[in-house]
Amino acid sequence: MPNSFLFIKTVIKAGWINKNTGVAGEPRLQFTDFKLLHDTMDELCKKITIQIPVQEVTEDHITNLQQLLETNPGKQNLYFTIWDEKEKIELNLPSRIPKIKITNELLSTLEKEQINFKLN
C-alpha cells in the first residue's frame, strides 16, 4: 500500500563463517514480520494504565471515565494508578473484570479529556 506506515520486525544474525579462514563475515539482517502499523495495536498493547491524581477522584470524573470505558469493551487489561503529590503515595489498582479494547479513538478521547495514560 502506498503512503502507509509499516511495522517491521527484524533479527540481526551473526555473519557467515568462512570455512577457509574461520573469520565471521558481516552481520546479516533477517526480516521476520511485516504488518501495517495500525494493525499492531491489538497484538502489542497488553494493557493500559490510567493515571489519576487523588484530587481528581470525584464522582463525576469516575462516572465519565466509566462511560468511556464501557463503550470500548475488549480483551486488554486495564489498570489505574492514583497518586497523592503531597504525601508521595502511589496506589496501583488492577481492574479484574472490565477489559477494554485499546484503539486510536479511545486514546484520542483520553487525550482530549486530559486523562493521563500509559501503554504497556
PDB file of N, CA and C in Angstrom:
ATOM      1  N   MET A   1       0.843  -1.177   0.000  1.00  0.00           N
ATOM      2  CA  MET A   1       0.000   0.000   0.000  1.00  0.00           C
ATOM      3  C   MET A   1       0.891   1.245   0.000  1.00  0.00           C
ATOM      4  N   PRO A   2       0.694   2.116  -0.938  1.00  0.00           N
ATOM      5  CA  PRO A   2       1.493   3.341  -0.946  1.00  0.00           C
ATOM      6  C   PRO A   2       1.099   4.264   0.203  1.00  0.00           C
ATOM      7  N   ASN A   3       2.071   5.026   0.680  1.00  0.00           N
ATOM      8  CA  ASN A   3       1.875   6.010   1.743  1.00  0.00           C
ATOM      9  C   ASN A   3       1.321   5.402   3.030  1.00  0.00           C
ATOM     10  N   SER A   4       1.785   4.220   3.412  1.00  0.00           N
ATOM     11  CA  SER A   4       1.366   3.574   4.655  1.00  0.00           C
ATOM     12  C   SER A   4       2.582   3.350   5.540  1.00  0.00           C
ATOM     13  N   PHE A   5       2.335   3.354   6.852  1.00  0.00           N
ATOM     14  CA  PHE A   5       3.395   3.073   7.799  1.00  0.00           C
ATOM     15  C   PHE A   5       3.425   1.576   8.072  1.00  0.00           C
ATOM     16  N   LEU A   6       4.631   1.026   8.143  1.00  0.00           N
ATOM     17  CA  LEU A   6       4.796  -0.401   8.373  1.00  0.00           C
ATOM     18  C   LEU A   6       5.462  -0.667   9.709  1.00  0.00           C
ATOM     19  N   PHE A   7       5.080  -1.767  10.323  1.00  0.00           N
ATOM     20  CA  PHE A   7       5.761  -2.304  11.497  1.00  0.00           C
ATOM     21  C   PHE A   7       6.597  -3.466  10.976  1.00  0.00           C
ATOM     22  N   ILE A   8       7.916  -3.362  11.125  1.00  0.00           N
ATOM     23  CA  ILE A   8       8.819  -4.389  10.603  1.00  0.00           C
ATOM     24  C   ILE A   8       9.606  -4.965  11.763  1.00  0.00           C
ATOM     25  N   LYS A   9       9.552  -6.286  11.887  1.00  0.00           N
ATOM     26  CA  LYS A   9      10.290  -6.979  12.930  1.00  0.00           C
ATOM     27  C   LYS A   9      11.484  -7.667  12.266  1.00  0.00           C
ATOM     28  N   THR A  10      12.678  -7.430  12.827  1.00  0.00           N
ATOM     29  CA  THR A  10      13.892  -7.990  12.249  1.00  0.00           C
ATOM     30  C   THR A  10      14.738  -8.661  13.322  1.00  0.00           C
ATOM     31  N   VAL A  11      15.649  -9.503  12.868  1.00  0.00           N
ATOM     32  CA  VAL A  11      16.615 -10.156  13.737  1.00  0.00           C
ATOM     33  C   VAL A  11      17.985  -9.951  13.116  1.00  0.00           C
ATOM     34  N   ILE A  12      18.966  -9.605  13.945  1.00  0.00           N
ATOM     35  CA  ILE A  12      20.342  -9.487  13.460  1.00  0.00           C
ATOM     36  C   ILE A  12      21.055 -10.774  13.814  1.00  0.00           C
ATOM     37  N   LYS A  13      21.572 -11.446  12.797  1.00  0.00           N
ATOM     38  CA  LYS A  13      22.263 -12.719  12.996  1.00  0.00           C
ATOM     39  C   LYS A  13      23.743 -12.537  12.681  1.00  0.00           C
ATOM     40  N   ALA A  14      24.526 -13.418  13.275  1.00  0.00           N
ATOM     41  CA  ALA A  14      25.975 -13.378  13.021  1.00  0.00           C
ATOM     42  C   ALA A  14      26.232 -13.686  11.546  1.00  0.00           C
ATOM     43  N   GLY A  15      27.298 -13.131  11.036  1.00  0.00           N
ATOM     44  CA  GLY A  15      27.648 -13.357   9.641  1.00  0.00           C
ATOM     45  C   GLY A  15      28.108 -14.781   9.398  1.00  0.00           C
ATOM     46  N   TRP A  16      28.138 -15.163   8.138  1.00  0.00           N
ATOM     47  CA  TRP A  16      28.590 -16.495   7.767  1.00  0.00           C
ATOM     48  C   TRP A  16      30.077 -16.640   8.083  1.00  0.00           C
ATOM     49  N   ILE A  17      30.469 -17.829   8.507  1.00  0.00           N
ATOM     50  CA  ILE A  17      31.877 -18.089   8.823  1.00  0.00           C
ATOM     51  C   ILE A  17      32.552 -18.671   7.591  1.00  0.00           C
ATOM     52  N   ASN A  18      33.659 -18.063   7.204  1.00  0.00           N
ATOM     53  CA  ASN A  18      34.440 -18.526   6.072  1.00  0.00           C
ATOM     54  C   ASN A  18      35.144 -19.823   6.477  1.00  0.00           C
ATOM     55  N   LYS A  19      34.912 -20.896   5.746  1.00  0.00           N
ATOM     56  CA  LYS A  19      35.496 -22.201   6.099  1.00  0.00           C
ATOM     57  C   LYS A  19      37.009 -22.203   5.985  1.00  0.00           C
ATOM     58  N   ASN A  20      37.547 -21.459   5.064  1.00  0.00           N
ATOM     59  CA  ASN A  20      38.999 -21.456   4.854  1.00  0.00           C
ATOM     60  C   ASN A  20      39.731 -20.663   5.933  1.00  0.00           C
ATOM     61  N   THR A  21      39.191 -19.478   6.286  1.00  0.00           N
ATOM     62  CA  THR A  21      39.893 -18.619   7.236  1.00  0.00           C
ATOM     63  C   THR A  21      39.313 -18.689   8.653  1.00  0.00           C
ATOM     64  N   GLY A  22      38.066 -19.140   8.806  1.00  0.00           N
ATOM     65  CA  GLY A  22      37.431 -19.189  10.117  1.00  0.00           C
ATOM     66  C   GLY A  22      36.960 -17.832  10.612  1.00  0.00           C
ATOM     67  N   VAL A  23      36.979 -16.842   9.750  1.00  0.00           N
ATOM     68  CA  VAL A  23      36.591 -15.489  10.123  1.00  0.00           C
ATOM     69  C   VAL A  23      35.102 -15.298   9.814  1.00  0.00           C
ATOM     70  N   ALA A  24      34.390 -14.714  10.780  1.00  0.00           N
ATOM     71  CA  ALA A  24      32.967 -14.437  10.574  1.00  0.00           C
ATOM     72  C   ALA A  24      32.807 -13.214   9.693  1.00  0.00           C
ATOM     73  N   GLY A  25      31.838 -13.270   8.819  1.00  0.00           N
ATOM     74  CA  GLY A  25      31.557 -12.154   7.928  1.00  0.00           C
ATOM     75  C   GLY A  25      30.718 -11.098   8.629  1.00  0.00           C
ATOM     76  N   GLU A  26      30.262 -10.140   7.863  1.00  0.00           N
ATOM     77  CA  GLU A  26      29.439  -9.054   8.389  1.00  0.00           C
ATOM     78  C   GLU A  26      28.114  -9.611   8.933  1.00  0.00           C
ATOM     79  N   PRO A  27      27.579  -8.999   9.990  1.00  0.00           N
ATOM     80  CA  PRO A  27      26.269  -9.442  10.482  1.00  0.00           C
ATOM     81  C   PRO A  27      25.214  -9.260   9.397  1.00  0.00           C
ATOM     82  N   ARG A  28      24.174 -10.098   9.455  1.00  0.00           N
ATOM     83  CA  ARG A  28      23.126 -10.001   8.441  1.00  0.00           C
ATOM     84  C   ARG A  28      21.787  -9.717   9.104  1.00  0.00           C
ATOM     85  N   LEU A  29      20.957  -9.064   8.372  1.00  0.00           N
ATOM     86  CA  LEU A  29      19.652  -8.647   8.847  1.00  0.00           C
ATOM     87  C   LEU A  29      18.603  -9.578   8.248  1.00  0.00           C
ATOM     88  N   GLN A  30      17.791 -10.203   9.114  1.00  0.00           N
ATOM     89  CA  GLN A  30      16.745 -11.095   8.639  1.00  0.00           C
ATOM     90  C   GLN A  30      15.387 -10.513   9.029  1.00  0.00           C
ATOM     91  N   PHE A  31      14.522 -10.309   8.059  1.00  0.00           N
ATOM     92  CA  PHE A  31      13.193  -9.768   8.304  1.00  0.00           C
ATOM     93  C   PHE A  31      12.268 -10.912   8.686  1.00  0.00           C
ATOM     94  N   THR A  32      11.552 -10.760   9.831  1.00  0.00           N
ATOM     95  CA  THR A  32      10.691 -11.832  10.304  1.00  0.00           C
ATOM     96  C   THR A  32       9.207 -11.513  10.212  1.00  0.00           C
ATOM     97  N   ASP A  33       8.841 -10.223  10.159  1.00  0.00           N
ATOM     98  CA  ASP A  33       7.423  -9.889  10.155  1.00  0.00           C
ATOM     99  C   ASP A  33       7.205  -8.502   9.556  1.00  0.00           C
ATOM    100  N   PHE A  34       6.167  -8.378   8.740  1.00  0.00           N
ATOM    101  CA  PHE A  34       5.738  -7.098   8.170  1.00  0.00           C
ATOM    102  C   PHE A  34       4.252  -6.941   8.454  1.00  0.00           C
ATOM    103  N   LYS A  35       3.851  -5.795   8.989  1.00  0.00           N
ATOM    104  CA  LYS A  35       2.435  -5.513   9.237  1.00  0.00           C
ATOM    105  C   LYS A  35       2.196  -4.028   9.033  1.00  0.00           C
ATOM    106  N   LEU A  36       0.944  -3.701   8.745  1.00  0.00           N
ATOM    107  CA  LEU A  36       0.580  -2.294   8.743  1.00  0.00           C
ATOM    108  C   LEU A  36       0.572  -1.814  10.183  1.00  0.00           C
ATOM    109  N   LEU A  37       1.036  -0.616  10.413  1.00  0.00           N
ATOM    110  CA  LEU A  37       1.220  -0.122  11.774  1.00  0.00           C
ATOM    111  C   LEU A  37      -0.087  -0.078  12.565  1.00  0.00           C
ATOM    112  N   HIS A  38      -1.174   0.289  11.926  1.00  0.00           N
ATOM    113  CA  HIS A  38      -2.436   0.389  12.670  1.00  0.00           C
ATOM    114  C   HIS A  38      -2.992  -0.980  13.057  1.00  0.00           C
ATOM    115  N   ASP A  39      -2.484  -2.076  12.466  1.00  0.00           N
ATOM    116  CA  ASP A  39      -2.931  -3.425  12.822  1.00  0.00           C
ATOM    117  C   ASP A  39      -2.185  -3.996  14.018  1.00  0.00           C
ATOM    118  N   THR A  40      -1.162  -3.320  14.504  1.00  0.00           N
ATOM    119  CA  THR A  40      -0.348  -3.871  15.590  1.00  0.00           C
ATOM    120  C   THR A  40      -0.869  -3.517  16.974  1.00  0.00           C
ATOM    121  N   MET A  41      -1.838  -2.641  17.079  1.00  0.00           N
ATOM    122  CA  MET A  41      -2.330  -2.195  18.391  1.00  0.00           C
ATOM    123  C   MET A  41      -2.860  -3.371  19.211  1.00  0.00           C
ATOM    124  N   ASP A  42      -3.641  -4.261  18.597  1.00  0.00           N
ATOM    125  CA  ASP A  42      -4.213  -5.392  19.338  1.00  0.00           C
ATOM    126  C   ASP A  42      -3.150  -6.337  19.870  1.00  0.00           C
ATOM    127  N   GLU A  43      -2.121  -6.564  19.095  1.00  0.00           N
ATOM    128  CA  GLU A  43      -1.102  -7.534  19.480  1.00  0.00           C
ATOM    129  C   GLU A  43      -0.062  -6.982  20.447  1.00  0.00           C
ATOM    130  N   LEU A  44       0.355  -5.752  20.254  1.00  0.00           N
ATOM    131  CA  LEU A  44       1.473  -5.224  21.029  1.00  0.00           C
ATOM    132  C   LEU A  44       1.057  -4.524  22.313  1.00  0.00           C
ATOM    133  N   CYS A  45      -0.136  -3.981  22.369  1.00  0.00           N
ATOM    134  CA  CYS A  45      -0.598  -3.313  23.587  1.00  0.00           C
ATOM    135  C   CYS A  45      -1.259  -4.338  24.491  1.00  0.00           C
ATOM    136  N   LYS A  46      -0.600  -4.671  25.574  1.00  0.00           N
ATOM    137  CA  LYS A  46      -1.120  -5.668  26.504  1.00  0.00           C
ATOM    138  C   LYS A  46      -2.013  -5.041  27.566  1.00  0.00           C
ATOM    139  N   LYS A  47      -1.710  -3.799  27.951  1.00  0.00           N
ATOM    140  CA  LYS A  47      -2.521  -3.157  28.983  1.00  0.00           C
ATOM    141  C   LYS A  47      -2.400  -1.646  28.858  1.00  0.00           C
ATOM    142  N   ILE A  48      -3.359  -0.977  29.485  1.00  0.00           N
ATOM    143  CA  ILE A  48      -3.331   0.480  29.581  1.00  0.00           C
ATOM    144  C   ILE A  48      -3.476   0.834  31.058  1.00  0.00           C
ATOM    145  N   THR A  49      -2.670   1.784  31.497  1.00  0.00           N
ATOM    146  CA  THR A  49      -2.733   2.272  32.868  1.00  0.00           C
ATOM    147  C   THR A  49      -3.211   3.714  32.839  1.00  0.00           C
ATOM    148  N   ILE A  50      -4.343   3.962  33.474  1.00  0.00           N
ATOM    149  CA  ILE A  50      -4.885   5.316  33.549  1.00  0.00           C
ATOM    150  C   ILE A  50      -4.393   5.941  34.848  1.00  0.00           C
ATOM    151  N   GLN A  51      -3.768   7.103  34.734  1.00  0.00           N
ATOM    152  CA  GLN A  51      -3.134   7.762  35.878  1.00  0.00           C
ATOM    153  C   GLN A  51      -3.989   8.945  36.311  1.00  0.00           C
ATOM    154  N   ILE A  52      -4.424   8.905  37.584  1.00  0.00           N
ATOM    155  CA  ILE A  52      -5.312   9.939  38.096  1.00  0.00           C
ATOM    156  C   ILE A  52      -4.755  10.485  39.407  1.00  0.00           C
ATOM    157  N   PRO A  53      -4.592  11.808  39.524  1.00  0.00           N
ATOM    158  CA  PRO A  53      -4.225  12.381  40.825  1.00  0.00           C
ATOM    159  C   PRO A  53      -5.401  12.242  41.796  1.00  0.00           C
ATOM    160  N   VAL A  54      -5.105  12.062  43.065  1.00  0.00           N
ATOM    161  CA  VAL A  54      -6.158  11.834  44.058  1.00  0.00           C
ATOM    162  C   VAL A  54      -7.130  13.010  44.128  1.00  0.00           C
ATOM    163  N   GLN A  55      -6.693  14.211  43.786  1.00  0.00           N
ATOM    164  CA  GLN A  55      -7.565  15.383  43.821  1.00  0.00           C
ATOM    165  C   GLN A  55      -8.662  15.296  42.752  1.00  0.00           C
ATOM    166  N   GLU A  56      -8.418  14.539  41.673  1.00  0.00           N
ATOM    167  CA  GLU A  56      -9.388  14.430  40.585  1.00  0.00           C
ATOM    168  C   GLU A  56     -10.337  13.243  40.748  1.00  0.00           C
ATOM    169  N   VAL A  57     -10.209  12.496  41.829  1.00  0.00           N
ATOM    170  CA  VAL A  57     -11.101  11.359  42.060  1.00  0.00           C
ATOM    171  C   VAL A  57     -12.404  11.891  42.644  1.00  0.00           C
ATOM    172  N   THR A  58     -13.322  12.214  41.733  1.00  0.00           N
ATOM    173  CA  THR A  58     -14.642  12.693  42.125  1.00  0.00           C
ATOM    174  C   THR A  58     -15.691  11.791  41.481  1.00  0.00           C
ATOM    175  N   GLU A  59     -16.895  11.885  41.960  1.00  0.00           N
ATOM    176  CA  GLU A  59     -17.953  11.034  41.430  1.00  0.00           C
ATOM    177  C   GLU A  59     -18.208  11.315  39.949  1.00  0.00           C
ATOM    178  N   ASP A  60     -18.210  12.585  39.566  1.00  0.00           N
ATOM    179  CA  ASP A  60     -18.432  12.946  38.160  1.00  0.00           C
ATOM    180  C   ASP A  60     -17.309  12.420  37.272  1.00  0.00           C
ATOM    181  N   HIS A  61     -16.082  12.573  37.720  1.00  0.00           N
ATOM    182  CA  HIS A  61     -14.928  12.121  36.933  1.00  0.00           C
ATOM    183  C   HIS A  61     -14.962  10.601  36.756  1.00  0.00           C
ATOM    184  N   ILE A  62     -15.297   9.884  37.805  1.00  0.00           N
ATOM    185  CA  ILE A  62     -15.360   8.420  37.732  1.00  0.00           C
ATOM    186  C   ILE A  62     -16.509   7.980  36.828  1.00  0.00           C
ATOM    187  N   THR A  63     -17.635   8.655  36.901  1.00  0.00           N
ATOM    188  CA  THR A  63     -18.782   8.317  36.049  1.00  0.00           C
ATOM    189  C   THR A  63     -18.442   8.537  34.583  1.00  0.00           C
ATOM    190  N   ASN A  64     -17.797   9.659  34.260  1.00  0.00           N
ATOM    191  CA  ASN A  64     -17.392   9.924  32.875  1.00  0.00           C
ATOM    192  C   ASN A  64     -16.397   8.889  32.382  1.00  0.00           C
ATOM    193  N   LEU A  65     -15.452   8.529  33.224  1.00  0.00           N
ATOM    194  CA  LEU A  65     -14.454   7.538  32.854  1.00  0.00           C
ATOM    195  C   LEU A  65     -15.095   6.165  32.672  1.00  0.00           C
ATOM    196  N   GLN A  66     -16.032   5.823  33.510  1.00  0.00           N
ATOM    197  CA  GLN A  66     -16.725   4.543  33.410  1.00  0.00           C
ATOM    198  C   GLN A  66     -17.510   4.454  32.097  1.00  0.00           C
ATOM    199  N   GLN A  67     -18.196   5.523  31.725  1.00  0.00           N
ATOM    200  CA  GLN A  67     -18.951   5.538  30.471  1.00  0.00           C
ATOM    201  C   GLN A  67     -18.030   5.390  29.271  1.00  0.00           C
ATOM    202  N   LEU A  68     -16.891   6.043  29.324  1.00  0.00           N
ATOM    203  CA  LEU A  68     -15.924   5.950  28.235  1.00  0.00           C
ATOM    204  C   LEU A  68     -15.397   4.520  28.097  1.00  0.00           C
ATOM    205  N   LEU A  69     -15.077   3.894  29.214  1.00  0.00           N
ATOM    206  CA  LEU A  69     -14.513   2.548  29.174  1.00  0.00           C
ATOM    207  C   LEU A  69     -15.553   1.498  28.792  1.00  0.00           C
ATOM    208  N   GLU A  70     -16.812   1.713  29.157  1.00  0.00           N
ATOM    209  CA  GLU A  70     -17.868   0.760  28.795  1.00  0.00           C
ATOM    210  C   GLU A  70     -18.162   0.762  27.306  1.00  0.00           C
ATOM    211  N   THR A  71     -17.850   1.844  26.621  1.00  0.00           N
ATOM    212  CA  THR A  71     -18.080   1.908  25.178  1.00  0.00           C
ATOM    213  C   THR A  71     -16.959   1.249  24.388  1.00  0.00           C
ATOM    214  N   ASN A  72     -15.903   0.777  25.074  1.00  0.00           N
ATOM    215  CA  ASN A  72     -14.761   0.141  24.410  1.00  0.00           C
ATOM    216  C   ASN A  72     -14.454  -1.223  25.036  1.00  0.00           C
ATOM    217  N   PRO A  73     -15.404  -2.175  25.027  1.00  0.00           N
ATOM    218  CA  PRO A  73     -15.090  -3.487  25.607  1.00  0.00           C
ATOM    219  C   PRO A  73     -14.106  -4.243  24.720  1.00  0.00           C
ATOM    220  N   GLY A  74     -13.243  -5.021  25.351  1.00  0.00           N
ATOM    221  CA  GLY A  74     -12.248  -5.761  24.585  1.00  0.00           C
ATOM    222  C   GLY A  74     -11.543  -6.776  25.439  1.00  0.00           C
ATOM    223  N   LYS A  75     -10.272  -7.040  25.107  1.00  0.00           N
ATOM    224  CA  LYS A  75      -9.529  -8.085  25.807  1.00  0.00           C
ATOM    225  C   LYS A  75      -8.255  -7.590  26.489  1.00  0.00           C
ATOM    226  N   GLN A  76      -7.922  -6.320  26.364  1.00  0.00           N
ATOM    227  CA  GLN A  76      -6.719  -5.795  27.008  1.00  0.00           C
ATOM    228  C   GLN A  76      -7.005  -5.429  28.461  1.00  0.00           C
ATOM    229  N   ASN A  77      -5.990  -5.615  29.293  1.00  0.00           N
ATOM    230  CA  ASN A  77      -6.117  -5.340  30.724  1.00  0.00           C
ATOM    231  C   ASN A  77      -6.140  -3.846  30.992  1.00  0.00           C
ATOM    232  N   LEU A  78      -6.808  -3.505  32.085  1.00  0.00           N
ATOM    233  CA  LEU A  78      -6.961  -2.114  32.492  1.00  0.00           C
ATOM    234  C   LEU A  78      -6.425  -1.954  33.903  1.00  0.00           C
ATOM    235  N   TYR A  79      -5.586  -0.949  34.097  1.00  0.00           N
ATOM    236  CA  TYR A  79      -5.014  -0.648  35.412  1.00  0.00           C
ATOM    237  C   TYR A  79      -5.234   0.832  35.708  1.00  0.00           C
ATOM    238  N   PHE A  80      -5.271   1.137  37.002  1.00  0.00           N
ATOM    239  CA  PHE A  80      -5.366   2.528  37.434  1.00  0.00           C
ATOM    240  C   PHE A  80      -4.211   2.818  38.379  1.00  0.00           C
ATOM    241  N   THR A  81      -3.654   4.012  38.270  1.00  0.00           N
ATOM    242  CA  THR A  81      -2.654   4.494  39.214  1.00  0.00           C
ATOM    243  C   THR A  81      -3.184   5.797  39.792  1.00  0.00           C
ATOM    244  N   ILE A  82      -3.344   5.803  41.099  1.00  0.00           N
ATOM    245  CA  ILE A  82      -3.820   7.004  41.793  1.00  0.00           C
ATOM    246  C   ILE A  82      -2.692   7.460  42.711  1.00  0.00           C
ATOM    247  N   TRP A  83      -2.354   8.734  42.635  1.00  0.00           N
ATOM    248  CA  TRP A  83      -1.243   9.215  43.443  1.00  0.00           C
ATOM    249  C   TRP A  83      -1.598  10.516  44.138  1.00  0.00           C
ATOM    250  N   ASP A  84      -0.879  10.738  45.247  1.00  0.00           N
ATOM    251  CA  ASP A  84      -1.008  11.972  46.017  1.00  0.00           C
ATOM    252  C   ASP A  84       0.361  12.641  46.026  1.00  0.00           C
ATOM    253  N   GLU A  85       0.429  13.806  45.424  1.00  0.00           N
ATOM    254  CA  GLU A  85       1.702  14.535  45.295  1.00  0.00           C
ATOM    255  C   GLU A  85       2.247  14.968  46.652  1.00  0.00           C
ATOM    256  N   LYS A  86       1.363  15.432  47.537  1.00  0.00           N
ATOM    257  CA  LYS A  86       1.810  15.935  48.836  1.00  0.00           C
ATOM    258  C   LYS A  86       2.379  14.824  49.708  1.00  0.00           C
ATOM    259  N   GLU A  87       1.666  13.729  49.786  1.00  0.00           N
ATOM    260  CA  GLU A  87       2.064  12.635  50.674  1.00  0.00           C
ATOM    261  C   GLU A  87       3.062  11.673  50.022  1.00  0.00           C
ATOM    262  N   LYS A  88       3.331  11.846  48.740  1.00  0.00           N
ATOM    263  CA  LYS A  88       4.248  10.969  47.992  1.00  0.00           C
ATOM    264  C   LYS A  88       3.790   9.506  48.061  1.00  0.00           C
ATOM    265  N   ILE A  89       2.488   9.306  47.845  1.00  0.00           N
ATOM    266  CA  ILE A  89       1.900   7.969  47.870  1.00  0.00           C
ATOM    267  C   ILE A  89       1.359   7.653  46.480  1.00  0.00           C
ATOM    268  N   GLU A  90       1.618   6.429  46.033  1.00  0.00           N
ATOM    269  CA  GLU A  90       1.107   5.974  44.749  1.00  0.00           C
ATOM    270  C   GLU A  90       0.439   4.626  44.955  1.00  0.00           C
ATOM    271  N   LEU A  91      -0.766   4.473  44.414  1.00  0.00           N
ATOM    272  CA  LEU A  91      -1.543   3.251  44.561  1.00  0.00           C
ATOM    273  C   LEU A  91      -1.841   2.695  43.178  1.00  0.00           C
ATOM    274  N   ASN A  92      -1.413   1.445  42.918  1.00  0.00           N
ATOM    275  CA  ASN A  92      -1.659   0.793  41.639  1.00  0.00           C
ATOM    276  C   ASN A  92      -2.804  -0.197  41.805  1.00  0.00           C
ATOM    277  N   LEU A  93      -3.831  -0.033  40.979  1.00  0.00           N
ATOM    278  CA  LEU A  93      -5.034  -0.856  41.094  1.00  0.00           C
ATOM    279  C   LEU A  93      -5.321  -1.578  39.784  1.00  0.00           C
ATOM    280  N   PRO A  94      -5.239  -2.903  39.766  1.00  0.00           N
ATOM    281  CA  PRO A  94      -5.643  -3.631  38.555  1.00  0.00           C
ATOM    282  C   PRO A  94      -7.159  -3.783  38.517  1.00  0.00           C
ATOM    283  N   SER A  95      -7.723  -3.713  37.348  1.00  0.00           N
ATOM    284  CA  SER A  95      -9.152  -3.929  37.168  1.00  0.00           C
ATOM    285  C   SER A  95      -9.337  -5.371  36.710  1.00  0.00           C
ATOM    286  N   ARG A  96     -10.025  -6.180  37.490  1.00  0.00           N
ATOM    287  CA  ARG A  96     -10.145  -7.597  37.180  1.00  0.00           C
ATOM    288  C   ARG A  96     -11.202  -7.877  36.130  1.00  0.00           C
ATOM    289  N   ILE A  97     -12.358  -7.293  36.273  1.00  0.00           N
ATOM    290  CA  ILE A  97     -13.471  -7.667  35.401  1.00  0.00           C
ATOM    291  C   ILE A  97     -13.482  -6.881  34.088  1.00  0.00           C
ATOM    292  N   PRO A  98     -13.602  -5.552  34.116  1.00  0.00           N
ATOM    293  CA  PRO A  98     -13.693  -4.875  32.814  1.00  0.00           C
ATOM    294  C   PRO A  98     -12.360  -4.882  32.078  1.00  0.00           C
ATOM    295  N   LYS A  99     -12.401  -5.349  30.856  1.00  0.00           N
ATOM    296  CA  LYS A  99     -11.256  -5.274  29.960  1.00  0.00           C
ATOM    297  C   LYS A  99     -11.687  -4.400  28.794  1.00  0.00           C
ATOM    298  N   ILE A 100     -10.721  -3.749  28.177  1.00  0.00           N
ATOM    299  CA  ILE A 100     -11.081  -2.784  27.135  1.00  0.00           C
ATOM    300  C   ILE A 100     -10.330  -3.087  25.846  1.00  0.00           C
ATOM    301  N   LYS A 101     -10.785  -2.462  24.791  1.00  0.00           N
ATOM    302  CA  LYS A 101     -10.095  -2.537  23.505  1.00  0.00           C
ATOM    303  C   LYS A 101      -9.391  -1.206  23.299  1.00  0.00           C
ATOM    304  N   ILE A 102      -8.085  -1.268  23.186  1.00  0.00           N
ATOM    305  CA  ILE A 102      -7.288  -0.055  23.016  1.00  0.00           C
ATOM    306  C   ILE A 102      -7.304   0.310  21.533  1.00  0.00           C
ATOM    307  N   THR A 103      -7.897   1.441  21.229  1.00  0.00           N
ATOM    308  CA  THR A 103      -7.989   1.915  19.852  1.00  0.00           C
ATOM    309  C   THR A 103      -7.471   3.349  19.779  1.00  0.00           C
ATOM    310  N   ASN A 104      -7.238   3.792  18.581  1.00  0.00           N
ATOM    311  CA  ASN A 104      -6.798   5.178  18.391  1.00  0.00           C
ATOM    312  C   ASN A 104      -7.877   6.156  18.858  1.00  0.00           C
ATOM    313  N   GLU A 105      -9.153   5.789  18.661  1.00  0.00           N
ATOM    314  CA  GLU A 105     -10.250   6.654  19.094  1.00  0.00           C
ATOM    315  C   GLU A 105     -10.255   6.793  20.617  1.00  0.00           C
ATOM    316  N   LEU A 106     -10.049   5.674  21.326  1.00  0.00           N
ATOM    317  CA  LEU A 106     -10.000   5.714  22.786  1.00  0.00           C
ATOM    318  C   LEU A 106      -8.850   6.587  23.265  1.00  0.00           C
ATOM    319  N   LEU A 107      -7.684   6.415  22.667  1.00  0.00           N
ATOM    320  CA  LEU A 107      -6.517   7.194  23.077  1.00  0.00           C
ATOM    321  C   LEU A 107      -6.708   8.677  22.793  1.00  0.00           C
ATOM    322  N   SER A 108      -7.303   9.008  21.653  1.00  0.00           N
ATOM    323  CA  SER A 108      -7.532  10.428  21.358  1.00  0.00           C
ATOM    324  C   SER A 108      -8.592  11.021  22.291  1.00  0.00           C
ATOM    325  N   THR A 109      -9.585  10.221  22.682  1.00  0.00           N
ATOM    326  CA  THR A 109     -10.586  10.708  23.640  1.00  0.00           C
ATOM    327  C   THR A 109      -9.957  10.947  25.001  1.00  0.00           C
ATOM    328  N   LEU A 110      -9.082  10.036  25.436  1.00  0.00           N
ATOM    329  CA  LEU A 110      -8.389  10.227  26.707  1.00  0.00           C
ATOM    330  C   LEU A 110      -7.536  11.490  26.678  1.00  0.00           C
ATOM    331  N   GLU A 111      -6.859  11.726  25.563  1.00  0.00           N
ATOM    332  CA  GLU A 111      -6.048  12.938  25.438  1.00  0.00           C
ATOM    333  C   GLU A 111      -6.927  14.186  25.434  1.00  0.00           C
ATOM    334  N   LYS A 112      -8.069  14.116  24.754  1.00  0.00           N
ATOM    335  CA  LYS A 112      -8.980  15.259  24.695  1.00  0.00           C
ATOM    336  C   LYS A 112      -9.546  15.576  26.084  1.00  0.00           C
ATOM    337  N   GLU A 113      -9.834  14.539  26.854  1.00  0.00           N
ATOM    338  CA  GLU A 113     -10.346  14.709  28.210  1.00  0.00           C
ATOM    339  C   GLU A 113      -9.232  15.026  29.213  1.00  0.00           C
ATOM    340  N   GLN A 114      -8.003  15.077  28.744  1.00  0.00           N
ATOM    341  CA  GLN A 114      -6.812  15.347  29.549  1.00  0.00           C
ATOM    342  C   GLN A 114      -6.646  14.315  30.665  1.00  0.00           C
ATOM    343  N   ILE A 115      -6.832  13.063  30.301  1.00  0.00           N
ATOM    344  CA  ILE A 115      -6.630  11.943  31.224  1.00  0.00           C
ATOM    345  C   ILE A 115      -5.277  11.315  30.877  1.00  0.00           C
ATOM    346  N   ASN A 116      -4.378  11.278  31.848  1.00  0.00           N
ATOM    347  CA  ASN A 116      -3.061  10.699  31.614  1.00  0.00           C
ATOM    348  C   ASN A 116      -3.165   9.185  31.532  1.00  0.00           C
ATOM    349  N   PHE A 117      -2.386   8.591  30.626  1.00  0.00           N
ATOM    350  CA  PHE A 117      -2.379   7.146  30.478  1.00  0.00           C
ATOM    351  C   PHE A 117      -1.003   6.684  30.041  1.00  0.00           C
ATOM    352  N   LYS A 118      -0.793   5.380  30.195  1.00  0.00           N
ATOM    353  CA  LYS A 118       0.471   4.778  29.781  1.00  0.00           C
ATOM    354  C   LYS A 118       0.143   3.429  29.149  1.00  0.00           C
ATOM    355  N   LEU A 119       0.717   3.158  27.992  1.00  0.00           N
ATOM    356  CA  LEU A 119       0.521   1.884  27.303  1.00  0.00           C
ATOM    357  C   LEU A 119       1.690   0.958  27.605  1.00  0.00           C
ATOM    358  N   ASN A 120       1.364  -0.303  27.824  1.00  0.00           N
ATOM    359  CA  ASN A 120       2.416  -1.306  28.067  1.00  0.00           C
ATOM    360  C   ASN A 120       2.218  -2.448  27.108  1.00  0.00           C
TER     361      ASN A 120
END
